[in-house]
Protein backbone atom coordinates (compact mmCIF):
# COMPACT_ATOMS: atom_id res chain seq x y z
CA MET A 1 -95.80 52.83 10.44
CA ILE A 2 -95.43 49.13 11.01
CA HIS A 3 -93.30 46.85 8.85
CA LEU A 4 -94.94 43.49 8.22
CA LEU A 5 -94.01 40.43 6.24
CA ILE A 6 -96.38 39.89 3.33
CA LYS A 7 -97.74 36.75 4.97
CA ASP A 8 -98.80 38.85 7.99
CA LEU A 9 -100.79 41.39 5.97
CA GLN A 10 -104.56 41.41 6.39
CA PRO A 11 -107.24 42.83 4.08
CA GLY A 12 -108.25 46.30 5.21
CA MET A 13 -104.80 47.41 6.35
CA VAL A 14 -103.61 50.69 4.78
CA ALA A 15 -100.41 50.70 2.70
CA ALA A 16 -97.82 53.23 3.86
CA GLN A 17 -95.63 52.61 0.78
CA SER A 18 -96.33 52.42 -2.93
CA ILE A 19 -95.11 49.58 -5.11
CA TYR A 20 -94.43 50.48 -8.75
CA ASP A 21 -93.47 48.66 -11.90
CA ARG A 22 -91.22 50.04 -14.62
CA ASN A 23 -94.17 51.64 -16.41
CA GLY A 24 -94.82 53.81 -13.38
CA GLU A 25 -98.00 51.92 -12.58
CA ALA A 26 -98.74 51.34 -8.93
CA ILE A 27 -99.13 47.66 -8.12
CA LEU A 28 -100.27 48.94 -4.74
CA PRO A 29 -100.78 52.69 -4.28
CA ARG A 30 -99.73 54.37 -1.06
CA GLY A 31 -102.76 54.99 1.14
CA ALA A 32 -104.79 52.21 -0.48
CA SER A 33 -106.79 49.73 1.54
CA ILE A 34 -105.08 46.36 1.03
CA THR A 35 -107.18 43.56 -0.47
CA GLN A 36 -106.58 39.83 -0.56
CA ALA A 37 -105.84 40.21 -4.28
CA HIS A 38 -103.06 42.67 -3.42
CA ILE A 39 -101.61 40.25 -0.87
CA ASP A 40 -101.68 37.34 -3.34
CA ARG A 41 -100.04 39.41 -6.06
CA LEU A 42 -97.29 40.72 -3.79
CA ALA A 43 -96.50 37.16 -2.72
CA LYS A 44 -96.24 36.06 -6.37
CA LEU A 45 -93.92 39.00 -7.08
CA ASP A 46 -91.66 37.93 -4.20
CA VAL A 47 -92.16 41.20 -2.31
CA MET A 48 -90.96 40.33 1.18
CA GLU A 49 -92.44 43.06 3.38
CA LEU A 50 -94.51 46.22 3.38
CA SER A 51 -95.08 49.15 5.72
CA VAL A 52 -98.66 49.69 6.83
CA THR A 53 -100.15 52.48 8.93
CA SER A 54 -101.78 50.12 11.42
CA SER A 55 -101.60 46.42 12.22
CA ASP A 56 -105.35 46.42 12.94
CA PRO A 57 -107.53 46.57 9.80
CA ALA A 58 -110.30 48.11 11.91
CA VAL A 59 -108.15 51.14 12.79
CA PHE A 60 -107.89 53.43 9.76
CA VAL A 61 -104.83 55.68 9.75
CA ALA A 62 -103.90 57.60 6.62
CA PRO A 63 -100.19 57.76 5.74
CA PRO A 64 -98.41 61.11 6.24
CA ASP A 65 -98.41 63.49 3.30
CA ASP A 66 -95.66 62.70 0.81
CA ILE A 67 -93.38 65.20 -0.90
CA LEU A 68 -93.92 63.71 -4.35
CA GLU A 69 -97.44 63.35 -5.70
CA GLU A 70 -98.37 59.86 -6.88
CA SER A 71 -99.06 61.06 -10.43
CA THR A 72 -95.69 62.83 -10.60
CA ARG A 73 -93.82 59.77 -9.34
CA ALA A 74 -95.63 57.41 -11.72
CA ASP A 75 -94.99 59.66 -14.72
CA ALA A 76 -91.33 60.13 -13.74
CA ILE A 77 -90.66 56.39 -13.41
CA ARG A 78 -92.24 55.80 -16.81
CA LYS A 79 -90.22 58.58 -18.47
CA VAL A 80 -86.92 57.37 -16.96
CA TYR A 81 -87.64 53.83 -18.12
CA GLU A 82 -88.45 55.02 -21.65
CA THR A 83 -85.31 57.18 -21.80
CA PHE A 84 -83.04 54.38 -20.57
CA HIS A 85 -84.76 51.84 -22.85
CA VAL A 86 -84.27 53.98 -25.96
CA LEU A 87 -80.61 54.49 -25.07
CA GLU A 88 -80.13 50.76 -24.59
CA GLU A 89 -81.83 49.93 -27.89
CA THR A 90 -80.47 52.70 -30.12
CA GLY A 91 -77.48 54.21 -28.34
CA GLU A 92 -79.25 57.59 -28.50
CA LEU A 93 -79.95 59.66 -25.40
CA ASP A 94 -82.49 62.49 -25.53
CA PRO A 95 -82.38 64.24 -22.14
CA THR A 96 -84.84 66.94 -23.23
CA ALA A 97 -87.63 64.39 -22.76
CA LEU A 98 -86.79 64.37 -19.06
CA ILE A 99 -86.83 68.15 -18.54
CA PRO A 100 -90.63 68.38 -17.91
CA THR A 101 -90.25 65.46 -15.49
CA ALA A 102 -87.43 67.23 -13.65
CA GLU A 103 -89.51 70.41 -13.49
CA ALA A 104 -92.49 68.51 -12.04
CA ILE A 105 -90.31 66.81 -9.39
CA LEU A 106 -88.76 70.15 -8.42
CA THR A 107 -92.17 71.84 -8.24
CA ASN A 108 -93.44 69.11 -5.89
CA ALA A 109 -90.30 69.38 -3.75
CA LEU A 110 -90.65 73.16 -3.41
CA GLU A 111 -94.41 73.19 -2.87
CA ASN A 112 -94.31 70.40 -0.27
CA ARG A 113 -91.21 71.47 1.64
CA GLU A 114 -93.07 71.14 4.94
CA ASN A 115 -93.55 67.42 4.29
CA LEU A 116 -90.65 65.35 5.59
CA VAL A 117 -89.35 62.31 3.76
CA GLN A 118 -91.19 59.50 5.57
CA LEU A 119 -90.52 56.34 3.54
CA THR A 120 -89.37 55.40 0.08
CA ASP A 121 -91.46 53.44 -2.38
CA ILE A 122 -90.83 49.78 -3.19
CA ARG A 123 -89.48 48.67 -6.56
CA MET A 124 -89.35 45.27 -8.17
CA HIS A 125 -85.77 44.00 -8.42
CA ASP A 126 -85.70 44.17 -12.23
CA ASP A 127 -87.08 47.71 -12.19
CA TYR A 128 -84.94 49.05 -9.34
CA THR A 129 -82.88 51.51 -11.38
CA PHE A 130 -85.87 53.50 -12.65
CA GLY A 131 -87.56 54.05 -9.29
CA HIS A 132 -84.18 54.63 -7.66
CA SER A 133 -83.32 57.37 -10.16
CA VAL A 134 -86.61 59.15 -9.44
CA ASN A 135 -86.09 58.94 -5.67
CA VAL A 136 -82.52 60.22 -5.96
CA ALA A 137 -83.78 63.14 -8.05
CA LEU A 138 -86.45 63.96 -5.47
CA LEU A 139 -84.13 63.63 -2.46
CA SER A 140 -81.54 65.75 -4.27
CA ALA A 141 -84.15 68.40 -5.01
CA THR A 142 -85.22 68.39 -1.37
CA LEU A 143 -81.66 68.87 -0.13
CA GLY A 144 -80.77 71.30 -2.92
CA SER A 145 -83.72 73.53 -2.02
CA LEU A 146 -82.09 74.05 1.39
CA CYS A 147 -78.79 75.15 -0.14
CA ASP A 148 -79.64 78.48 -1.78
CA LEU A 149 -79.22 77.11 -5.30
CA SER A 150 -80.62 79.03 -8.25
CA GLY A 151 -83.57 77.71 -10.23
CA ALA A 152 -81.28 76.66 -13.08
CA GLU A 153 -78.95 74.85 -10.67
CA LEU A 154 -81.88 73.02 -9.09
CA ILE A 155 -83.15 71.79 -12.46
CA THR A 156 -79.63 70.62 -13.33
CA LEU A 157 -79.42 68.89 -9.95
CA VAL A 158 -82.72 67.05 -10.49
CA MET A 159 -81.67 66.05 -14.02
CA GLY A 160 -78.38 64.85 -12.54
CA GLY A 161 -80.31 62.70 -10.08
CA LEU A 162 -82.44 61.20 -12.85
CA LEU A 163 -79.37 60.40 -14.97
CA HIS A 164 -76.70 59.66 -12.34
CA ASP A 165 -76.88 55.88 -12.95
CA ILE A 166 -77.12 55.99 -16.74
CA GLY A 167 -73.74 54.26 -16.88
CA LYS A 168 -75.25 51.11 -15.35
CA LEU A 169 -76.57 50.24 -18.78
CA VAL A 170 -73.07 48.90 -19.54
CA ILE A 171 -73.21 46.52 -16.56
CA PRO A 172 -74.48 42.99 -17.32
CA PRO A 173 -77.89 42.49 -15.63
CA ASP A 174 -76.76 39.22 -14.03
CA ILE A 175 -74.13 41.18 -12.04
CA LEU A 176 -76.55 43.92 -10.98
CA SER A 177 -79.07 41.36 -9.71
CA LYS A 178 -76.56 38.95 -8.22
CA THR A 179 -77.60 37.65 -4.79
CA GLU A 180 -74.34 35.99 -3.77
CA GLN A 181 -71.14 37.80 -2.83
CA LEU A 182 -69.64 39.80 -5.68
CA THR A 183 -66.26 38.71 -6.99
CA SER A 184 -63.39 41.15 -7.45
CA ARG A 185 -64.12 41.04 -11.18
CA ASP A 186 -67.80 41.87 -10.54
CA LEU A 187 -66.80 44.86 -8.41
CA TYR A 188 -64.37 46.04 -11.08
CA ILE A 189 -67.15 45.95 -13.70
CA ILE A 190 -69.70 47.69 -11.46
CA ARG A 191 -67.22 50.45 -10.69
CA MET A 192 -67.07 51.23 -14.40
CA HIS A 193 -70.54 52.79 -14.39
CA PRO A 194 -69.64 56.32 -13.17
CA GLU A 195 -67.08 56.73 -15.96
CA ALA A 196 -69.43 55.20 -18.52
CA GLY A 197 -72.12 57.67 -17.46
CA ARG A 198 -69.71 60.58 -17.60
CA VAL A 199 -68.60 59.68 -21.12
CA LYS A 200 -72.16 59.33 -22.38
CA LEU A 201 -73.48 62.53 -20.84
CA ASN A 202 -70.50 64.52 -22.12
CA THR A 203 -71.73 63.84 -25.67
CA LEU A 204 -75.00 65.70 -25.11
CA SER A 205 -75.57 68.99 -26.90
CA ILE A 206 -77.20 70.82 -23.99
CA SER A 207 -75.62 73.53 -21.86
CA SER A 208 -75.81 71.51 -18.65
CA ALA A 209 -74.06 68.47 -20.17
CA PRO A 210 -70.67 69.06 -18.45
CA ILE A 211 -72.26 69.25 -14.99
CA LEU A 212 -74.58 66.30 -15.65
CA ALA A 213 -71.54 64.31 -16.74
CA MET A 214 -69.66 65.43 -13.62
CA ILE A 215 -72.51 64.28 -11.35
CA ALA A 216 -72.61 60.86 -13.01
CA GLY A 217 -68.85 60.54 -12.80
CA GLN A 218 -68.51 61.72 -9.19
CA HIS A 219 -71.51 60.34 -7.31
CA HIS A 220 -69.39 57.53 -5.79
CA GLU A 221 -66.49 59.79 -4.77
CA HIS A 222 -65.91 60.32 -1.02
CA ILE A 223 -64.86 63.50 0.76
CA ASP A 224 -61.85 61.66 2.24
CA GLY A 225 -60.66 60.44 -1.17
CA ARG A 226 -61.57 56.78 -0.65
CA GLY A 227 -64.31 56.74 -3.28
CA TYR A 228 -64.11 55.92 -6.99
CA PRO A 229 -63.28 56.19 -9.83
CA ASP A 230 -60.81 59.09 -9.39
CA HIS A 231 -60.33 59.23 -5.58
CA LEU A 232 -61.26 62.92 -5.52
CA MET A 233 -61.24 64.73 -2.18
CA GLY A 234 -63.20 67.56 -0.58
CA ASP A 235 -63.86 70.49 -2.87
CA GLN A 236 -62.54 68.54 -5.84
CA ILE A 237 -66.00 66.96 -5.83
CA HIS A 238 -68.65 69.28 -7.30
CA ARG A 239 -71.26 70.43 -4.77
CA LEU A 240 -74.12 68.99 -6.85
CA SER A 241 -72.29 65.66 -6.97
CA ARG A 242 -71.99 65.70 -3.18
CA ILE A 243 -75.75 66.24 -2.90
CA VAL A 244 -76.59 63.41 -5.30
CA SER A 245 -74.14 61.14 -3.46
CA ILE A 246 -76.09 61.54 -0.20
CA ALA A 247 -79.44 60.96 -1.91
CA ASP A 248 -78.08 57.93 -3.76
CA VAL A 249 -76.77 56.18 -0.64
CA TYR A 250 -79.85 56.95 1.46
CA ASP A 251 -82.26 55.54 -1.11
CA ALA A 252 -80.05 52.49 -1.68
CA LEU A 253 -79.93 51.77 2.05
CA THR A 254 -83.68 52.16 2.56
CA SER A 255 -84.62 50.04 -0.47
CA ALA A 256 -84.84 46.26 -0.64
CA ARG A 257 -82.49 44.64 -3.13
CA SER A 258 -81.98 41.07 -4.29
CA TYR A 259 -79.07 40.75 -1.85
CA LYS A 260 -80.34 42.72 1.19
CA PRO A 261 -83.50 43.88 2.97
CA ALA A 262 -84.48 47.54 3.24
CA PHE A 263 -82.93 49.29 6.22
CA ARG A 264 -85.26 51.37 8.39
CA PRO A 265 -84.58 55.16 8.29
CA HIS A 266 -82.96 55.24 11.74
CA ILE A 267 -80.51 52.53 10.66
CA ALA A 268 -79.68 54.43 7.47
CA TYR A 269 -79.12 57.52 9.62
CA LYS A 270 -76.68 55.67 11.87
CA ILE A 271 -74.81 54.16 8.92
CA MET A 272 -74.44 57.47 7.12
CA THR A 273 -73.61 59.63 10.14
CA LYS A 274 -71.71 57.26 12.41
CA CYS A 275 -70.36 54.38 10.36
CA SER A 276 -69.14 56.21 7.27
CA PRO A 277 -66.88 59.03 8.53
CA GLY A 278 -65.27 60.94 5.71
CA GLN A 279 -67.67 59.71 3.04
CA PHE A 280 -70.07 62.66 2.90
CA ASP A 281 -70.04 66.44 3.17
CA GLU A 282 -71.00 66.74 6.86
CA GLN A 283 -72.82 70.06 6.49
CA LEU A 284 -74.94 68.73 3.63
CA LEU A 285 -75.57 65.49 5.49
CA LYS A 286 -76.93 67.36 8.52
CA ARG A 287 -79.25 69.41 6.32
CA PHE A 288 -80.41 66.24 4.62
CA PHE A 289 -81.38 64.49 7.84
CA ASP A 290 -83.09 67.66 9.06
CA ASN A 291 -85.61 66.85 6.30
CA VAL A 292 -85.83 63.06 6.69
CA ALA A 293 -88.05 61.42 9.30
CA ILE A 294 -85.49 59.29 11.11
CA TYR A 295 -88.40 57.93 13.13
CA PRO A 296 -91.41 58.10 10.75
CA ILE A 297 -94.89 58.73 12.10
CA GLY A 298 -96.28 55.50 13.52
CA THR A 299 -92.87 54.12 14.54
CA VAL A 300 -93.01 52.40 17.93
CA LEU A 301 -90.11 53.23 20.24
CA LYS A 302 -88.81 51.81 23.48
CA THR A 303 -87.86 54.83 25.59
CA VAL A 304 -86.71 55.36 29.16
CA MET A 305 -90.28 56.51 29.92
CA GLY A 306 -91.86 53.39 28.42
CA TYR A 307 -93.19 52.31 25.04
CA ALA A 308 -94.23 55.16 22.73
CA VAL A 309 -95.52 55.75 19.20
CA VAL A 310 -94.28 58.65 17.05
CA LYS A 311 -97.10 61.14 16.40
CA GLU A 312 -95.30 64.09 14.79
CA VAL A 313 -91.92 64.90 13.28
CA LYS A 314 -90.83 68.45 12.47
CA PHE A 315 -88.13 69.85 10.23
CA GLY A 316 -84.83 70.24 12.06
CA GLN A 317 -86.08 68.13 14.98
CA THR A 318 -86.06 64.72 13.34
CA GLN A 319 -84.09 63.13 16.18
CA THR A 320 -86.63 64.33 18.76
CA PRO A 321 -90.15 63.60 17.50
CA THR A 322 -93.35 64.10 19.44
CA VAL A 323 -94.51 60.76 20.84
CA CYS A 324 -97.40 59.28 22.80
CA VAL A 325 -96.16 57.10 25.65
CA PHE A 326 -98.73 54.31 26.04
CA GLY A 327 -97.03 51.51 28.00
CA THR A 328 -94.57 50.81 30.79
CA LEU A 329 -91.21 49.15 30.26
CA THR A 330 -92.61 46.08 31.99
CA GLY A 331 -95.23 45.71 29.27
CA GLU A 332 -98.32 47.14 30.95
CA ALA A 333 -100.67 49.58 29.22
CA LEU A 334 -100.81 53.02 30.81
CA GLU A 335 -104.20 54.04 32.16
CA HIS A 336 -103.43 57.61 31.06
CA PRO A 337 -101.15 57.71 27.98
CA PHE A 338 -99.39 61.04 27.56
CA THR A 339 -97.85 63.01 24.70
CA ILE A 340 -94.41 64.59 24.94
CA ASN A 341 -91.86 66.13 22.62
CA LEU A 342 -88.54 64.34 23.05
CA SER A 343 -86.63 67.61 22.67
CA LYS A 344 -87.63 68.18 26.31
CA CYS A 345 -85.98 64.92 27.37
CA ALA A 346 -82.42 63.69 27.78
CA PRO A 347 -80.51 62.91 24.55
CA ASP A 348 -80.50 59.16 25.24
CA THR A 349 -84.25 58.88 25.87
CA ILE A 350 -84.79 56.54 22.89
CA ILE A 351 -83.54 53.05 23.70
CA SER A 352 -84.54 51.22 20.52
CA VAL A 353 -87.01 50.94 17.64
CA LEU A 354 -89.34 47.97 17.76
CA ASP A 355 -89.64 45.66 14.78
CA GLU A 356 -92.66 43.47 14.09
CA LEU A 357 -91.16 40.51 15.96
CA ASP A 358 -91.15 42.55 19.18
CA LEU A 359 -94.15 44.76 18.49
CA ILE A 360 -96.83 42.15 17.80
CA PRO A 361 -96.27 40.21 21.07
CA LEU A 362 -96.17 43.52 22.97
CA MET A 363 -99.49 44.60 21.47
CA PHE A 364 -101.03 41.23 22.32
CA ARG A 365 -99.79 41.44 25.91
CA MET A 366 -100.92 45.04 26.43
CA ARG A 367 -104.11 44.67 24.38
CA VAL A 368 -103.25 48.04 22.87
CA ASN A 369 -102.82 49.05 19.23
CA PRO A 370 -100.34 51.98 19.11
CA SER A 371 -101.92 53.22 15.87
CA GLN A 372 -105.05 54.27 17.77
CA PHE A 373 -103.08 57.11 19.35
CA LEU A 374 -102.34 58.56 15.90
CA GLN A 375 -106.01 59.32 15.52
CA GLU A 376 -106.11 61.38 18.68
CA LYS A 377 -105.24 65.07 18.70
């Protein structure tokens, strides 16, 4: 997959990410052929960049299979928006309306377990919370399915993901969408949302209410006690809360916000595994990244063997994908490109991931489109 600025998109390119509004309607569906109308609309909506499967409109490459079906995602975003909107307008929260949504998300996660998480969708800034809640629910379900949880626990986990940020309804929108540095007062207000969510969910008359409330209240706690609001440590944090915490941070890192761009999956991996020691349950974090494509299919890598494009990523081997090496380190196209699984190479084989600023000049110099190798078996 290639990340391009909207101004660099061309009609005929294939979208590798979906863009949704709060009603769960796809402004641009994943896998769709991009039109000039799409490009114009994205520019008007201030969408900054998009992942496509190929930089050449003439080379058709379908995006990898997703875990969540488009219809399930669209319906889930719409249901979360409606639930949050009713709560905001009336003060009433009816979680039973979300149970069929949670069941559909869990069914997709279990049926498509062989599909790795490749990329998240894109949400408009004003609609971020709704799409984020759905992604956190899906990522939580994916990780939870690897943890020998019962069916009832998995449904509670997915519901917890959908409702983990319900407390943000007490945060003024101008703070949530603020682009400049947050003041100490802003941070104090934002850090109220876990407790606000816990209080609200504790009022529900369903059997899972105490655990849902716990997830909302604990999803910003850290294993080392440096989280908030209660500075809980280790096993004081419920296991389902620890799962949602990982899903929450990963989706936040890989999503564009008003104050930051979306981080690529390999950057999110480094932040969560190397730069945040003590924040997450390490065993759960490893299982999570076993199921996330750190280098999604189509990613172009600079390796010690030369330039390569990722062709396949397997569960448990996300750090060592199968790649096609197509160019030398000096920028010359190989006469005979070759495919190799990086598990057979030294641990430091990958030097870097190319962004569009490096990739486009390289392609021009080599006269090679890496996406063409994705079509070859």
